Amino acid sequence: MKKLLIAPVAVAALALAGFVPSASGTATVPSDDMTTVAATAKCKSLTALSNVNVRKSASTKSTILRLWYKGTKGCDIKGVDGGSYKDACGIKSYHYWRKVNYRGTVGYVPNVCVKYS
């Protein structure tokens, strides 16, 4: 009886996670998320140089998604030119950002606040 319940529970869990079961029975990722999935699979490790806000877009006016803690690692996705920031991680003014994946949250951080590790 327990074995019969595993498949529906697994499908429900995948659906809640944003994966869609295909006709073959394997989970697929929605196409708009493929860039992030592909980038994460080839993770270039980054370490935060200080506590830094992960933002929804490359702007200090953008919504903060979470805090990335100093010394912890995340994945680099790509660099982007964005809104300028001031006094970030010891740099007076700059405008280059990194799109990152930190513990499952994809967002943007000032380029000067992370280093490759």
PDB file of N, CA and C in Angstrom:
ATOM      1  N   MET A   1       0.820  -1.186   0.000  1.00  0.00           N
ATOM      2  CA  MET A   1       0.000   0.000   0.000  1.00  0.00           C
ATOM      3  C   MET A   1       0.864   1.250   0.000  1.00  0.00           C
ATOM      4  N   LYS A   2       1.960   1.282   0.757  1.00  0.00           N
ATOM      5  CA  LYS A   2       2.818   2.453   0.816  1.00  0.00           C
ATOM      6  C   LYS A   2       3.441   2.756  -0.542  1.00  0.00           C
ATOM      7  N   LYS A   3       3.779   1.742  -1.326  1.00  0.00           N
ATOM      8  CA  LYS A   3       4.392   1.950  -2.626  1.00  0.00           C
ATOM      9  C   LYS A   3       3.433   2.661  -3.571  1.00  0.00           C
ATOM     10  N   LEU A   4       2.150   2.444  -3.451  1.00  0.00           N
ATOM     11  CA  LEU A   4       1.171   3.067  -4.325  1.00  0.00           C
ATOM     12  C   LEU A   4       1.063   4.567  -4.070  1.00  0.00           C
ATOM     13  N   LEU A   5       1.403   5.019  -2.885  1.00  0.00           N
ATOM     14  CA  LEU A   5       1.294   6.421  -2.545  1.00  0.00           C
ATOM     15  C   LEU A   5       2.516   7.242  -2.942  1.00  0.00           C
ATOM     16  N   ILE A   6       3.628   6.613  -3.226  1.00  0.00           N
ATOM     17  CA  ILE A   6       4.873   7.326  -3.517  1.00  0.00           C
ATOM     18  C   ILE A   6       4.772   8.123  -4.813  1.00  0.00           C
ATOM     19  N   ALA A   7       4.278   7.563  -5.883  1.00  0.00           N
ATOM     20  CA  ALA A   7       4.219   8.253  -7.183  1.00  0.00           C
ATOM     21  C   ALA A   7       3.372   9.519  -7.119  1.00  0.00           C
ATOM     22  N   PRO A   8       2.141   9.482  -6.597  1.00  0.00           N
ATOM     23  CA  PRO A   8       1.365  10.728  -6.550  1.00  0.00           C
ATOM     24  C   PRO A   8       2.012  11.792  -5.665  1.00  0.00           C
ATOM     25  N   VAL A   9       2.645  11.387  -4.583  1.00  0.00           N
ATOM     26  CA  VAL A   9       3.312  12.335  -3.696  1.00  0.00           C
ATOM     27  C   VAL A   9       4.502  12.964  -4.426  1.00  0.00           C
ATOM     28  N   ALA A  10       5.253  12.163  -5.151  1.00  0.00           N
ATOM     29  CA  ALA A  10       6.406  12.672  -5.896  1.00  0.00           C
ATOM     30  C   ALA A  10       5.966  13.662  -6.969  1.00  0.00           C
ATOM     31  N   VAL A  11       4.908  13.358  -7.694  1.00  0.00           N
ATOM     32  CA  VAL A  11       4.399  14.256  -8.727  1.00  0.00           C
ATOM     33  C   VAL A  11       3.933  15.565  -8.101  1.00  0.00           C
ATOM     34  N   ALA A  12       3.248  15.483  -6.982  1.00  0.00           N
ATOM     35  CA  ALA A  12       2.774  16.691  -6.299  1.00  0.00           C
ATOM     36  C   ALA A  12       3.954  17.546  -5.835  1.00  0.00           C
ATOM     37  N   ALA A  13       4.991  16.910  -5.315  1.00  0.00           N
ATOM     38  CA  ALA A  13       6.168  17.649  -4.849  1.00  0.00           C
ATOM     39  C   ALA A  13       6.857  18.351  -6.015  1.00  0.00           C
ATOM     40  N   LEU A  14       6.969  17.683  -7.152  1.00  0.00           N
ATOM     41  CA  LEU A  14       7.577  18.295  -8.327  1.00  0.00           C
ATOM     42  C   LEU A  14       6.747  19.477  -8.817  1.00  0.00           C
ATOM     43  N   ALA A  15       5.442  19.333  -8.793  1.00  0.00           N
ATOM     44  CA  ALA A  15       4.564  20.418  -9.233  1.00  0.00           C
ATOM     45  C   ALA A  15       4.707  21.636  -8.321  1.00  0.00           C
ATOM     46  N   LEU A  16       4.800  21.410  -7.015  1.00  0.00           N
ATOM     47  CA  LEU A  16       4.973  22.510  -6.076  1.00  0.00           C
ATOM     48  C   LEU A  16       6.319  23.200  -6.259  1.00  0.00           C
ATOM     49  N   ALA A  17       7.316  22.443  -6.680  1.00  0.00           N
ATOM     50  CA  ALA A  17       8.654  22.993  -6.885  1.00  0.00           C
ATOM     51  C   ALA A  17       8.769  23.718  -8.224  1.00  0.00           C
ATOM     52  N   GLY A  18       7.718  23.668  -9.054  1.00  0.00           N
ATOM     53  CA  GLY A  18       7.743  24.372 -10.329  1.00  0.00           C
ATOM     54  C   GLY A  18       8.117  23.499 -11.503  1.00  0.00           C
ATOM     55  N   PHE A  19       8.299  22.237 -11.279  1.00  0.00           N
ATOM     56  CA  PHE A  19       8.598  21.318 -12.357  1.00  0.00           C
ATOM     57  C   PHE A  19       7.297  20.737 -12.876  1.00  0.00           C
ATOM     58  N   VAL A  20       7.277  20.453 -14.163  1.00  0.00           N
ATOM     59  CA  VAL A  20       6.070  19.937 -14.788  1.00  0.00           C
ATOM     60  C   VAL A  20       6.352  18.534 -15.301  1.00  0.00           C
ATOM     61  N   PRO A  21       5.577  17.524 -14.881  1.00  0.00           N
ATOM     62  CA  PRO A  21       5.808  16.187 -15.402  1.00  0.00           C
ATOM     63  C   PRO A  21       5.509  16.142 -16.894  1.00  0.00           C
ATOM     64  N   SER A  22       6.359  15.460 -17.659  1.00  0.00           N
ATOM     65  CA  SER A  22       6.123  15.311 -19.094  1.00  0.00           C
ATOM     66  C   SER A  22       5.447  13.981 -19.357  1.00  0.00           C
ATOM     67  N   ALA A  23       5.124  13.735 -20.614  1.00  0.00           N
ATOM     68  CA  ALA A  23       4.455  12.493 -20.985  1.00  0.00           C
ATOM     69  C   ALA A  23       5.326  11.276 -20.693  1.00  0.00           C
ATOM     70  N   SER A  24       6.645  11.448 -20.713  1.00  0.00           N
ATOM     71  CA  SER A  24       7.542  10.323 -20.467  1.00  0.00           C
ATOM     72  C   SER A  24       7.665   9.993 -18.982  1.00  0.00           C
ATOM     73  N   GLY A  25       7.099  10.862 -18.128  1.00  0.00           N
ATOM     74  CA  GLY A  25       7.163  10.608 -16.695  1.00  0.00           C
ATOM     75  C   GLY A  25       8.337  11.282 -16.015  1.00  0.00           C
ATOM     76  N   THR A  26       9.183  11.991 -16.784  1.00  0.00           N
ATOM     77  CA  THR A  26      10.293  12.704 -16.167  1.00  0.00           C
ATOM     78  C   THR A  26       9.913  14.163 -16.002  1.00  0.00           C
ATOM     79  N   ALA A  27      10.520  14.824 -15.065  1.00  0.00           N
ATOM     80  CA  ALA A  27      10.200  16.228 -14.806  1.00  0.00           C
ATOM     81  C   ALA A  27      10.929  17.117 -15.798  1.00  0.00           C
ATOM     82  N   THR A  28      10.257  18.165 -16.244  1.00  0.00           N
ATOM     83  CA  THR A  28      10.878  19.142 -17.121  1.00  0.00           C
ATOM     84  C   THR A  28      10.802  20.506 -16.460  1.00  0.00           C
ATOM     85  N   VAL A  29      11.703  21.371 -16.866  1.00  0.00           N
ATOM     86  CA  VAL A  29      11.760  22.718 -16.311  1.00  0.00           C
ATOM     87  C   VAL A  29      11.098  23.663 -17.301  1.00  0.00           C
ATOM     88  N   PRO A  30      10.265  24.594 -16.842  1.00  0.00           N
ATOM     89  CA  PRO A  30       9.677  25.569 -17.754  1.00  0.00           C
ATOM     90  C   PRO A  30      10.768  26.266 -18.555  1.00  0.00           C
ATOM     91  N   SER A  31      10.520  26.543 -19.850  1.00  0.00           N
ATOM     92  CA  SER A  31      11.553  27.045 -20.755  1.00  0.00           C
ATOM     93  C   SER A  31      12.169  28.365 -20.311  1.00  0.00           C
ATOM     94  N   ASP A  32      11.412  29.251 -19.659  1.00  0.00           N
ATOM     95  CA  ASP A  32      11.987  30.523 -19.242  1.00  0.00           C
ATOM     96  C   ASP A  32      13.012  30.373 -18.125  1.00  0.00           C
ATOM     97  N   ASP A  33      13.050  29.228 -17.465  1.00  0.00           N
ATOM     98  CA  ASP A  33      14.019  28.985 -16.404  1.00  0.00           C
ATOM     99  C   ASP A  33      15.251  28.229 -16.902  1.00  0.00           C
ATOM    100  N   MET A  34      15.286  27.856 -18.177  1.00  0.00           N
ATOM    101  CA  MET A  34      16.372  27.029 -18.694  1.00  0.00           C
ATOM    102  C   MET A  34      17.725  27.737 -18.618  1.00  0.00           C
ATOM    103  N   THR A  35      17.778  29.027 -18.853  1.00  0.00           N
ATOM    104  CA  THR A  35      19.041  29.751 -18.784  1.00  0.00           C
ATOM    105  C   THR A  35      19.636  29.645 -17.391  1.00  0.00           C
ATOM    106  N   THR A  36      18.819  29.831 -16.380  1.00  0.00           N
ATOM    107  CA  THR A  36      19.285  29.754 -14.998  1.00  0.00           C
ATOM    108  C   THR A  36      19.739  28.343 -14.663  1.00  0.00           C
ATOM    109  N   VAL A  37      18.970  27.342 -15.090  1.00  0.00           N
ATOM    110  CA  VAL A  37      19.338  25.948 -14.815  1.00  0.00           C
ATOM    111  C   VAL A  37      20.659  25.610 -15.478  1.00  0.00           C
ATOM    112  N   ALA A  38      20.815  26.010 -16.746  1.00  0.00           N
ATOM    113  CA  ALA A  38      22.053  25.715 -17.464  1.00  0.00           C
ATOM    114  C   ALA A  38      23.235  26.409 -16.803  1.00  0.00           C
ATOM    115  N   ALA A  39      23.060  27.657 -16.391  1.00  0.00           N
ATOM    116  CA  ALA A  39      24.145  28.391 -15.748  1.00  0.00           C
ATOM    117  C   ALA A  39      24.515  27.776 -14.415  1.00  0.00           C
ATOM    118  N   THR A  40      23.516  27.336 -13.663  1.00  0.00           N
ATOM    119  CA  THR A  40      23.766  26.739 -12.358  1.00  0.00           C
ATOM    120  C   THR A  40      24.508  25.415 -12.499  1.00  0.00           C
ATOM    121  N   ALA A  41      24.218  24.667 -13.569  1.00  0.00           N
ATOM    122  CA  ALA A  41      24.880  23.386 -13.778  1.00  0.00           C
ATOM    123  C   ALA A  41      26.384  23.581 -13.972  1.00  0.00           C
ATOM    124  N   LYS A  42      26.788  24.728 -14.523  1.00  0.00           N
ATOM    125  CA  LYS A  42      28.201  25.036 -14.729  1.00  0.00           C
ATOM    126  C   LYS A  42      28.623  26.112 -13.739  1.00  0.00           C
ATOM    127  N   CYS A  43      28.412  25.895 -12.490  1.00  0.00           N
ATOM    128  CA  CYS A  43      28.621  26.893 -11.444  1.00  0.00           C
ATOM    129  C   CYS A  43      30.077  27.332 -11.336  1.00  0.00           C
ATOM    130  N   LYS A  44      30.278  28.649 -11.430  1.00  0.00           N
ATOM    131  CA  LYS A  44      31.558  29.256 -11.074  1.00  0.00           C
ATOM    132  C   LYS A  44      31.345  29.788  -9.668  1.00  0.00           C
ATOM    133  N   SER A  45      32.055  29.234  -8.723  1.00  0.00           N
ATOM    134  CA  SER A  45      31.840  29.559  -7.316  1.00  0.00           C
ATOM    135  C   SER A  45      32.295  30.973  -6.978  1.00  0.00           C
ATOM    136  N   LEU A  46      31.419  31.691  -6.247  1.00  0.00           N
ATOM    137  CA  LEU A  46      31.715  33.023  -5.741  1.00  0.00           C
ATOM    138  C   LEU A  46      31.608  33.017  -4.228  1.00  0.00           C
ATOM    139  N   THR A  47      32.402  33.845  -3.578  1.00  0.00           N
ATOM    140  CA  THR A  47      32.332  34.023  -2.129  1.00  0.00           C
ATOM    141  C   THR A  47      32.023  35.491  -1.845  1.00  0.00           C
ATOM    142  N   ALA A  48      31.086  35.740  -0.929  1.00  0.00           N
ATOM    143  CA  ALA A  48      30.742  37.110  -0.540  1.00  0.00           C
ATOM    144  C   ALA A  48      31.852  37.697   0.318  1.00  0.00           C
ATOM    145  N   LEU A  49      32.266  38.923   0.001  1.00  0.00           N
ATOM    146  CA  LEU A  49      33.316  39.593   0.751  1.00  0.00           C
ATOM    147  C   LEU A  49      32.778  40.291   1.993  1.00  0.00           C
ATOM    148  N   SER A  50      31.480  40.521   2.037  1.00  0.00           N
ATOM    149  CA  SER A  50      30.790  41.081   3.199  1.00  0.00           C
ATOM    150  C   SER A  50      29.329  40.666   3.085  1.00  0.00           C
ATOM    151  N   ASN A  51      28.528  40.942   4.096  1.00  0.00           N
ATOM    152  CA  ASN A  51      27.099  40.685   3.968  1.00  0.00           C
ATOM    153  C   ASN A  51      26.574  41.586   2.854  1.00  0.00           C
ATOM    154  N   VAL A  52      25.839  41.018   1.916  1.00  0.00           N
ATOM    155  CA  VAL A  52      25.382  41.782   0.757  1.00  0.00           C
ATOM    156  C   VAL A  52      23.952  41.388   0.406  1.00  0.00           C
ATOM    157  N   ASN A  53      23.157  42.366  -0.006  1.00  0.00           N
ATOM    158  CA  ASN A  53      21.778  42.110  -0.413  1.00  0.00           C
ATOM    159  C   ASN A  53      21.727  41.529  -1.819  1.00  0.00           C
ATOM    160  N   VAL A  54      20.980  40.437  -1.979  1.00  0.00           N
ATOM    161  CA  VAL A  54      20.701  39.873  -3.299  1.00  0.00           C
ATOM    162  C   VAL A  54      19.403  40.541  -3.750  1.00  0.00           C
ATOM    163  N   ARG A  55      19.455  41.221  -4.907  1.00  0.00           N
ATOM    164  CA  ARG A  55      18.318  42.022  -5.366  1.00  0.00           C
ATOM    165  C   ARG A  55      17.652  41.425  -6.600  1.00  0.00           C
ATOM    166  N   LYS A  56      16.403  41.818  -6.824  1.00  0.00           N
ATOM    167  CA  LYS A  56      15.608  41.308  -7.937  1.00  0.00           C
ATOM    168  C   LYS A  56      16.150  41.771  -9.293  1.00  0.00           C
ATOM    169  N   SER A  57      16.705  42.961  -9.363  1.00  0.00           N
ATOM    170  CA  SER A  57      17.330  43.461 -10.581  1.00  0.00           C
ATOM    171  C   SER A  57      18.612  44.204 -10.198  1.00  0.00           C
ATOM    172  N   ALA A  58      19.385  44.604 -11.211  1.00  0.00           N
ATOM    173  CA  ALA A  58      20.689  45.226 -10.980  1.00  0.00           C
ATOM    174  C   ALA A  58      20.539  46.710 -10.656  1.00  0.00           C
ATOM    175  N   SER A  59      19.948  46.991  -9.504  1.00  0.00           N
ATOM    176  CA  SER A  59      19.718  48.365  -9.063  1.00  0.00           C
ATOM    177  C   SER A  59      19.584  48.386  -7.540  1.00  0.00           C
ATOM    178  N   THR A  60      20.108  49.425  -6.912  1.00  0.00           N
ATOM    179  CA  THR A  60      19.965  49.540  -5.461  1.00  0.00           C
ATOM    180  C   THR A  60      18.527  49.874  -5.067  1.00  0.00           C
ATOM    181  N   LYS A  61      17.701  50.268  -6.019  1.00  0.00           N
ATOM    182  CA  LYS A  61      16.289  50.556  -5.751  1.00  0.00           C
ATOM    183  C   LYS A  61      15.420  49.306  -5.910  1.00  0.00           C
ATOM    184  N   SER A  62      16.002  48.226  -6.375  1.00  0.00           N
ATOM    185  CA  SER A  62      15.281  46.982  -6.600  1.00  0.00           C
ATOM    186  C   SER A  62      14.982  46.265  -5.281  1.00  0.00           C
ATOM    187  N   THR A  63      13.968  45.434  -5.311  1.00  0.00           N
ATOM    188  CA  THR A  63      13.553  44.657  -4.142  1.00  0.00           C
ATOM    189  C   THR A  63      14.676  43.739  -3.663  1.00  0.00           C
ATOM    190  N   ILE A  64      14.891  43.698  -2.350  1.00  0.00           N
ATOM    191  CA  ILE A  64      15.869  42.777  -1.751  1.00  0.00           C
ATOM    192  C   ILE A  64      15.208  41.413  -1.606  1.00  0.00           C
ATOM    193  N   LEU A  65      15.837  40.392  -2.192  1.00  0.00           N
ATOM    194  CA  LEU A  65      15.298  39.031  -2.126  1.00  0.00           C
ATOM    195  C   LEU A  65      15.780  38.274  -0.895  1.00  0.00           C
ATOM    196  N   ARG A  66      17.038  38.497  -0.526  1.00  0.00           N
ATOM    197  CA  ARG A  66      17.618  37.853   0.660  1.00  0.00           C
ATOM    198  C   ARG A  66      18.983  38.444   0.942  1.00  0.00           C
ATOM    199  N   LEU A  67      19.560  38.068   2.069  1.00  0.00           N
ATOM    200  CA  LEU A  67      20.894  38.509   2.453  1.00  0.00           C
ATOM    201  C   LEU A  67      21.883  37.377   2.181  1.00  0.00           C
ATOM    202  N   TRP A  68      22.991  37.721   1.535  1.00  0.00           N
ATOM    203  CA  TRP A  68      24.074  36.769   1.284  1.00  0.00           C
ATOM    204  C   TRP A  68      25.132  37.065   2.342  1.00  0.00           C
ATOM    205  N   TYR A  69      25.441  36.057   3.159  1.00  0.00           N
ATOM    206  CA  TYR A  69      26.326  36.259   4.302  1.00  0.00           C
ATOM    207  C   TYR A  69      27.803  36.192   3.919  1.00  0.00           C
ATOM    208  N   LYS A  70      28.581  37.051   4.540  1.00  0.00           N
ATOM    209  CA  LYS A  70      30.023  37.118   4.311  1.00  0.00           C
ATOM    210  C   LYS A  70      30.666  35.747   4.472  1.00  0.00           C
ATOM    211  N   GLY A  71      31.532  35.402   3.517  1.00  0.00           N
ATOM    212  CA  GLY A  71      32.282  34.160   3.577  1.00  0.00           C
ATOM    213  C   GLY A  71      31.560  32.940   3.046  1.00  0.00           C
ATOM    214  N   THR A  72      30.270  33.057   2.715  1.00  0.00           N
ATOM    215  CA  THR A  72      29.542  31.907   2.167  1.00  0.00           C
ATOM    216  C   THR A  72      29.606  31.935   0.647  1.00  0.00           C
ATOM    217  N   LYS A  73      29.353  30.782   0.043  1.00  0.00           N
ATOM    218  CA  LYS A  73      29.510  30.636  -1.407  1.00  0.00           C
ATOM    219  C   LYS A  73      28.180  30.608  -2.131  1.00  0.00           C
ATOM    220  N   GLY A  74      28.231  31.055  -3.376  1.00  0.00           N
ATOM    221  CA  GLY A  74      27.103  31.011  -4.285  1.00  0.00           C
ATOM    222  C   GLY A  74      27.641  30.756  -5.684  1.00  0.00           C
ATOM    223  N   CYS A  75      26.758  30.784  -6.672  1.00  0.00           N
ATOM    224  CA  CYS A  75      27.151  30.516  -8.060  1.00  0.00           C
ATOM    225  C   CYS A  75      27.001  31.764  -8.922  1.00  0.00           C
ATOM    226  N   ASP A  76      28.010  32.006  -9.738  1.00  0.00           N
ATOM    227  CA  ASP A  76      27.978  33.101 -10.695  1.00  0.00           C
ATOM    228  C   ASP A  76      27.204  32.657 -11.931  1.00  0.00           C
ATOM    229  N   ILE A  77      26.301  33.487 -12.416  1.00  0.00           N
ATOM    230  CA  ILE A  77      25.572  33.196 -13.647  1.00  0.00           C
ATOM    231  C   ILE A  77      26.126  34.063 -14.770  1.00  0.00           C
ATOM    232  N   LYS A  78      26.165  35.383 -14.571  1.00  0.00           N
ATOM    233  CA  LYS A  78      26.760  36.271 -15.575  1.00  0.00           C
ATOM    234  C   LYS A  78      26.933  37.665 -14.989  1.00  0.00           C
ATOM    235  N   GLY A  79      27.754  38.452 -15.656  1.00  0.00           N
ATOM    236  CA  GLY A  79      27.946  39.843 -15.275  1.00  0.00           C
ATOM    237  C   GLY A  79      27.005  40.729 -16.071  1.00  0.00           C
ATOM    238  N   VAL A  80      26.548  41.802 -15.454  1.00  0.00           N
ATOM    239  CA  VAL A  80      25.658  42.735 -16.136  1.00  0.00           C
ATOM    240  C   VAL A  80      26.014  44.165 -15.747  1.00  0.00           C
ATOM    241  N   ASP A  81      25.811  45.071 -16.701  1.00  0.00           N
ATOM    242  CA  ASP A  81      25.959  46.493 -16.431  1.00  0.00           C
ATOM    243  C   ASP A  81      24.610  46.975 -15.935  1.00  0.00           C
ATOM    244  N   GLY A  82      24.589  47.626 -14.789  1.00  0.00           N
ATOM    245  CA  GLY A  82      23.313  48.028 -14.209  1.00  0.00           C
ATOM    246  C   GLY A  82      23.388  49.394 -13.567  1.00  0.00           C
ATOM    247  N   GLY A  83      22.497  49.617 -12.637  1.00  0.00           N
ATOM    248  CA  GLY A  83      22.452  50.885 -11.926  1.00  0.00           C
ATOM    249  C   GLY A  83      23.691  51.069 -11.073  1.00  0.00           C
ATOM    250  N   SER A  84      24.106  52.319 -10.897  1.00  0.00           N
ATOM    251  CA  SER A  84      25.298  52.585 -10.096  1.00  0.00           C
ATOM    252  C   SER A  84      25.006  52.399  -8.611  1.00  0.00           C
ATOM    253  N   TYR A  85      26.034  52.067  -7.879  1.00  0.00           N
ATOM    254  CA  TYR A  85      25.935  51.939  -6.428  1.00  0.00           C
ATOM    255  C   TYR A  85      27.095  52.676  -5.801  1.00  0.00           C
ATOM    256  N   LYS A  86      26.888  53.134  -4.578  1.00  0.00           N
ATOM    257  CA  LYS A  86      27.913  53.908  -3.883  1.00  0.00           C
ATOM    258  C   LYS A  86      28.272  53.241  -2.565  1.00  0.00           C
ATOM    259  N   ASP A  87      29.536  53.353  -2.213  1.00  0.00           N
ATOM    260  CA  ASP A  87      30.052  52.840  -0.940  1.00  0.00           C
ATOM    261  C   ASP A  87      29.690  51.368  -0.706  1.00  0.00           C
ATOM    262  N   ALA A  88      29.802  50.563  -1.738  1.00  0.00           N
ATOM    263  CA  ALA A  88      29.541  49.127  -1.605  1.00  0.00           C
ATOM    264  C   ALA A  88      30.862  48.390  -1.435  1.00  0.00           C
ATOM    265  N   CYS A  89      30.989  47.691  -0.337  1.00  0.00           N
ATOM    266  CA  CYS A  89      32.146  46.837  -0.065  1.00  0.00           C
ATOM    267  C   CYS A  89      33.478  47.576  -0.238  1.00  0.00           C
ATOM    268  N   GLY A  90      33.510  48.834   0.209  1.00  0.00           N
ATOM    269  CA  GLY A  90      34.745  49.602   0.187  1.00  0.00           C
ATOM    270  C   GLY A  90      35.016  50.345  -1.105  1.00  0.00           C
ATOM    271  N   ILE A  91      34.142  50.251  -2.097  1.00  0.00           N
ATOM    272  CA  ILE A  91      34.320  50.961  -3.365  1.00  0.00           C
ATOM    273  C   ILE A  91      33.372  52.157  -3.378  1.00  0.00           C
ATOM    274  N   LYS A  92      33.897  53.343  -3.692  1.00  0.00           N
ATOM    275  CA  LYS A  92      33.077  54.567  -3.620  1.00  0.00           C
ATOM    276  C   LYS A  92      31.917  54.575  -4.601  1.00  0.00           C
ATOM    277  N   SER A  93      32.148  54.178  -5.857  1.00  0.00           N
ATOM    278  CA  SER A  93      31.076  54.194  -6.851  1.00  0.00           C
ATOM    279  C   SER A  93      31.419  53.253  -7.994  1.00  0.00           C
ATOM    280  N   TYR A  94      30.430  52.483  -8.437  1.00  0.00           N
ATOM    281  CA  TYR A  94      30.619  51.547  -9.544  1.00  0.00           C
ATOM    282  C   TYR A  94      29.250  51.149 -10.070  1.00  0.00           C
ATOM    283  N   HIS A  95      29.197  50.432 -11.183  1.00  0.00           N
ATOM    284  CA  HIS A  95      27.915  50.108 -11.810  1.00  0.00           C
ATOM    285  C   HIS A  95      27.827  48.678 -12.343  1.00  0.00           C
ATOM    286  N   TYR A  96      28.805  47.839 -12.074  1.00  0.00           N
ATOM    287  CA  TYR A  96      28.779  46.478 -12.620  1.00  0.00           C
ATOM    288  C   TYR A  96      28.251  45.513 -11.565  1.00  0.00           C
ATOM    289  N   TRP A  97      27.373  44.616 -11.976  1.00  0.00           N
ATOM    290  CA  TRP A  97      26.700  43.669 -11.088  1.00  0.00           C
ATOM    291  C   TRP A  97      26.949  42.240 -11.545  1.00  0.00           C
ATOM    292  N   ARG A  98      26.726  41.274 -10.647  1.00  0.00           N
ATOM    293  CA  ARG A  98      26.770  39.846 -10.975  1.00  0.00           C
ATOM    294  C   ARG A  98      25.380  39.278 -10.778  1.00  0.00           C
ATOM    295  N   LYS A  99      24.911  38.524 -11.770  1.00  0.00           N
ATOM    296  CA  LYS A  99      23.695  37.740 -11.584  1.00  0.00           C
ATOM    297  C   LYS A  99      24.162  36.447 -10.938  1.00  0.00           C
ATOM    298  N   VAL A 100      23.568  36.093  -9.806  1.00  0.00           N
ATOM    299  CA  VAL A 100      24.047  34.968  -9.008  1.00  0.00           C
ATOM    300  C   VAL A 100      22.901  34.056  -8.581  1.00  0.00           C
ATOM    301  N   ASN A 101      23.272  32.875  -8.156  1.00  0.00           N
ATOM    302  CA  ASN A 101      22.347  31.952  -7.513  1.00  0.00           C
ATOM    303  C   ASN A 101      22.931  31.685  -6.130  1.00  0.00           C
ATOM    304  N   TYR A 102      22.265  32.216  -5.115  1.00  0.00           N
ATOM    305  CA  TYR A 102      22.707  32.003  -3.741  1.00  0.00           C
ATOM    306  C   TYR A 102      21.643  31.202  -3.009  1.00  0.00           C
ATOM    307  N   ARG A 103      21.981  29.961  -2.722  1.00  0.00           N
ATOM    308  CA  ARG A 103      21.084  29.054  -1.990  1.00  0.00           C
ATOM    309  C   ARG A 103      19.686  29.006  -2.593  1.00  0.00           C
ATOM    310  N   GLY A 104      19.635  28.932  -3.932  1.00  0.00           N
ATOM    311  CA  GLY A 104      18.359  28.797  -4.632  1.00  0.00           C
ATOM    312  C   GLY A 104      17.697  30.108  -5.000  1.00  0.00           C
ATOM    313  N   THR A 105      18.225  31.227  -4.540  1.00  0.00           N
ATOM    314  CA  THR A 105      17.679  32.535  -4.902  1.00  0.00           C
ATOM    315  C   THR A 105      18.532  33.118  -6.020  1.00  0.00           C
ATOM    316  N   VAL A 106      17.899  33.422  -7.156  1.00  0.00           N
ATOM    317  CA  VAL A 106      18.602  34.027  -8.277  1.00  0.00           C
ATOM    318  C   VAL A 106      18.346  35.529  -8.236  1.00  0.00           C
ATOM    319  N   GLY A 107      19.426  36.304  -8.217  1.00  0.00           N
ATOM    320  CA  GLY A 107      19.307  37.750  -8.156  1.00  0.00           C
ATOM    321  C   GLY A 107      20.634  38.410  -8.476  1.00  0.00           C
ATOM    322  N   TYR A 108      20.757  39.672  -8.104  1.00  0.00           N
ATOM    323  CA  TYR A 108      21.912  40.482  -8.471  1.00  0.00           C
ATOM    324  C   TYR A 108      22.596  41.059  -7.236  1.00  0.00           C
ATOM    325  N   VAL A 109      23.937  41.085  -7.296  1.00  0.00           N
ATOM    326  CA  VAL A 109      24.740  41.685  -6.227  1.00  0.00           C
ATOM    327  C   VAL A 109      25.805  42.576  -6.867  1.00  0.00           C
ATOM    328  N   PRO A 110      26.259  43.616  -6.157  1.00  0.00           N
ATOM    329  CA  PRO A 110      27.352  44.429  -6.694  1.00  0.00           C
ATOM    330  C   PRO A 110      28.590  43.558  -6.964  1.00  0.00           C
ATOM    331  N   ASN A 111      29.179  43.739  -8.118  1.00  0.00           N
ATOM    332  CA  ASN A 111      30.333  42.962  -8.539  1.00  0.00           C
ATOM    333  C   ASN A 111      31.484  43.041  -7.525  1.00  0.00           C
ATOM    334  N   VAL A 112      31.659  44.191  -6.897  1.00  0.00           N
ATOM    335  CA  VAL A 112      32.789  44.388  -5.984  1.00  0.00           C
ATOM    336  C   VAL A 112      32.606  43.681  -4.642  1.00  0.00           C
ATOM    337  N   CYS A 113      31.429  43.125  -4.399  1.00  0.00           N
ATOM    338  CA  CYS A 113      31.149  42.479  -3.111  1.00  0.00           C
ATOM    339  C   CYS A 113      31.340  40.960  -3.136  1.00  0.00           C
ATOM    340  N   VAL A 114      31.774  40.424  -4.283  1.00  0.00           N
ATOM    341  CA  VAL A 114      32.015  38.984  -4.392  1.00  0.00           C
ATOM    342  C   VAL A 114      33.345  38.744  -5.102  1.00  0.00           C
ATOM    343  N   LYS A 115      33.912  37.568  -4.858  1.00  0.00           N
ATOM    344  CA  LYS A 115      35.137  37.177  -5.567  1.00  0.00           C
ATOM    345  C   LYS A 115      35.023  35.718  -5.964  1.00  0.00           C
ATOM    346  N   TYR A 116      35.714  35.348  -7.032  1.00  0.00           N
ATOM    347  CA  TYR A 116      35.730  33.951  -7.447  1.00  0.00           C
ATOM    348  C   TYR A 116      36.511  33.126  -6.424  1.00  0.00           C
ATOM    349  N   SER A 117      35.967  31.951  -6.127  1.00  0.00           N
ATOM    350  CA  SER A 117      36.633  31.107  -5.118  1.00  0.00           C
ATOM    351  C   SER A 117      36.808  29.696  -5.630  1.00  0.00           C
TER     352      SER A 117
END
